Structure formats: structure tokens, C-alpha cells
Amino acid sequence: MQFDKLMENIENLNLDTELLDRTTPKINWKGQPLSISHLPHYDALHSKEAHVASTLRLTPIQYLTSKNTLVSSARRYIQKSLPFRKSDAQKLLRIDVNKASKLWEFFMQVKWI
């Protein structure tokens, strides 16, 4: 997906980013955070999102793609009155299942899913 289309999709989700300003994400990961400030599309991330992406060693585009996929999928599940579980998130993303779980936890913390 093109970056512009991805960002349009994310904007259309109408996510409440104020919660990001009021909360500190509790994301733990083994190893050193990845330095992502020099990578393309870093400026599209909220500072807390950048922290999560860096901690999970995801590039900004990986994080944004995962965000779009998980939040939009969670909403489709809810429309069908189905629970959106961590295992569902793991199956949807093409990243390490443990990282997918951490993203699911983060999005739950900020009430996006």
C-alpha cells in the first residue's frame, strides 16, 4: 500500500490521540530499542508511538501498517459482535507474533481496539 493511502486510511479511523498524551505505554521488549528517528515516515508517528515502534524494533512503516491493520480489523470484528483477541492480531500481521501481541496490548491500553 502506498504511504499516502495508508495515512489516509489511518486518518479515517478517527483515533483519539489525546490518550497518547495522557498515558505512558507499558511495553517491554528484550534487547536495545532500534534507532528509528532517521528512517522514512518517522515524523508521521506520535512521540509515544515512536517509543513503542523503537522498543519493538519496528520501522515506522511497519508500525503504521500494523496500526492500520489491527485497528481496522478490530472494528470489523466488533461490528460482527466478535471478540478481537491477541491471537487474531498475531494472525493478521506479518511480523513476529510476540511483537504483534505487544502492539495489541498497546492499542488496548490506548483504547483503539
Protein backbone atom coordinates (compact mmCIF):
# COMPACT_ATOMS: atom_id res chain seq x y z
CA MET A 1 0.00 0.00 0.00
CA GLN A 2 1.26 3.47 -0.84
CA PHE A 3 2.18 5.64 2.13
CA ASP A 4 -0.37 8.35 1.28
CA LYS A 5 -3.17 5.78 1.10
CA LEU A 6 -2.01 4.21 4.36
CA MET A 7 -2.08 7.58 6.13
CA GLU A 8 -5.50 8.35 4.66
CA ASN A 9 -6.80 5.02 6.00
CA ILE A 10 -5.36 5.76 9.44
CA GLU A 11 -6.88 9.25 9.46
CA ASN A 12 -10.26 7.76 8.52
CA LEU A 13 -10.11 5.60 11.65
CA ASN A 14 -10.58 8.81 13.70
CA LEU A 15 -8.37 7.61 16.53
CA ASP A 16 -8.31 9.58 19.76
CA THR A 17 -4.66 10.61 20.03
CA GLU A 18 -5.26 12.66 23.18
CA LEU A 19 -4.98 9.48 25.18
CA LEU A 20 -1.43 9.12 23.91
CA ASP A 21 -0.60 12.46 25.52
CA ARG A 22 -2.05 11.36 28.86
CA THR A 23 -0.64 7.84 29.08
CA THR A 24 2.73 6.18 29.15
CA PRO A 25 2.76 2.93 27.22
CA LYS A 26 3.90 -0.08 29.17
CA ILE A 27 5.74 -2.04 26.52
CA ASN A 28 8.67 -4.26 27.43
CA TRP A 29 10.95 -5.90 24.92
CA LYS A 30 14.21 -7.71 25.15
CA GLY A 31 17.23 -6.04 23.63
CA GLN A 32 18.07 -2.48 22.72
CA PRO A 33 15.49 -0.20 21.11
CA LEU A 34 16.00 0.42 17.41
CA SER A 35 17.07 3.91 16.41
CA ILE A 36 14.29 4.96 14.03
CA SER A 37 14.45 8.77 14.06
CA HIS A 38 16.38 8.79 10.78
CA LEU A 39 14.02 6.41 8.97
CA PRO A 40 11.37 7.47 6.42
CA HIS A 41 7.97 8.42 7.84
CA TYR A 42 9.25 8.79 11.40
CA ASP A 43 7.59 12.21 11.50
CA ALA A 44 4.19 10.55 10.97
CA LEU A 45 4.43 8.95 14.42
CA HIS A 46 3.30 10.45 17.71
CA SER A 47 6.20 10.50 20.18
CA LYS A 48 4.63 7.66 22.19
CA GLU A 49 4.11 5.64 19.03
CA ALA A 50 7.74 6.25 18.08
CA HIS A 51 8.75 4.93 21.51
CA VAL A 52 6.66 1.78 21.02
CA ALA A 53 7.98 1.22 17.49
CA SER A 54 11.55 1.75 18.63
CA THR A 55 11.14 -0.53 21.64
CA LEU A 56 9.66 -3.30 19.49
CA ARG A 57 12.35 -2.71 16.87
CA LEU A 58 9.81 -1.88 14.15
CA THR A 59 10.36 0.64 11.39
CA PRO A 60 7.84 3.48 11.19
CA ILE A 61 6.20 1.96 8.12
CA GLN A 62 5.92 -1.44 9.81
CA TYR A 63 4.31 0.20 12.83
CA LEU A 64 1.89 2.29 10.76
CA THR A 65 0.89 -0.68 8.62
CA SER A 66 0.32 -2.78 11.73
CA LYS A 67 -1.68 0.01 13.34
CA ASN A 68 -3.96 0.31 10.32
CA THR A 69 -4.41 -3.46 10.05
CA LEU A 70 -5.12 -4.11 13.72
CA VAL A 71 -7.42 -1.19 14.42
CA SER A 72 -9.48 -1.58 11.25
CA SER A 73 -9.72 -5.35 11.77
CA ALA A 74 -10.74 -4.93 15.41
CA ARG A 75 -13.56 -2.64 14.31
CA ARG A 76 -14.76 -5.18 11.75
CA TYR A 77 -14.78 -7.87 14.44
CA ILE A 78 -16.77 -5.61 16.76
CA GLN A 79 -19.31 -4.87 14.00
CA LYS A 80 -19.85 -8.62 13.73
CA SER A 81 -20.10 -8.91 17.55
CA LEU A 82 -16.94 -10.99 17.67
CA PRO A 83 -14.12 -10.61 20.19
CA PHE A 84 -10.81 -9.38 18.78
CA ARG A 85 -8.23 -11.48 20.58
CA LYS A 86 -4.49 -11.32 20.72
CA SER A 87 -4.32 -14.47 18.60
CA ASP A 88 -6.35 -12.71 15.90
CA ALA A 89 -3.82 -9.88 15.86
CA GLN A 90 -0.96 -12.35 15.55
CA LYS A 91 -2.53 -13.98 12.51
CA LEU A 92 -3.14 -10.68 10.74
CA LEU A 93 0.35 -9.23 10.87
CA ARG A 94 3.47 -10.27 9.03
CA ILE A 95 5.73 -9.59 11.97
CA ASP A 96 6.91 -11.67 14.91
CA VAL A 97 3.91 -12.95 16.87
CA ASN A 98 5.35 -11.60 20.11
CA LYS A 99 5.64 -8.12 18.60
CA ALA A 100 2.07 -8.41 17.31
CA SER A 101 0.98 -9.28 20.85
CA LYS A 102 2.74 -6.23 22.25
CA LEU A 103 1.10 -4.00 19.65
CA TRP A 104 -2.30 -5.48 20.54
CA GLU A 105 -1.59 -4.72 24.21
CA PHE A 106 -0.55 -1.15 23.40
CA PHE A 107 -3.63 -0.49 21.27
CA MET A 108 -5.77 -1.88 24.08
CA GLN A 109 -4.03 0.46 26.55
CA VAL A 110 -4.86 3.50 24.42
CA LYS A 111 -8.38 2.16 23.75
CA TRP A 112 -8.02 1.96 19.99
CA ILE A 113 -9.21 -1.64 20.00
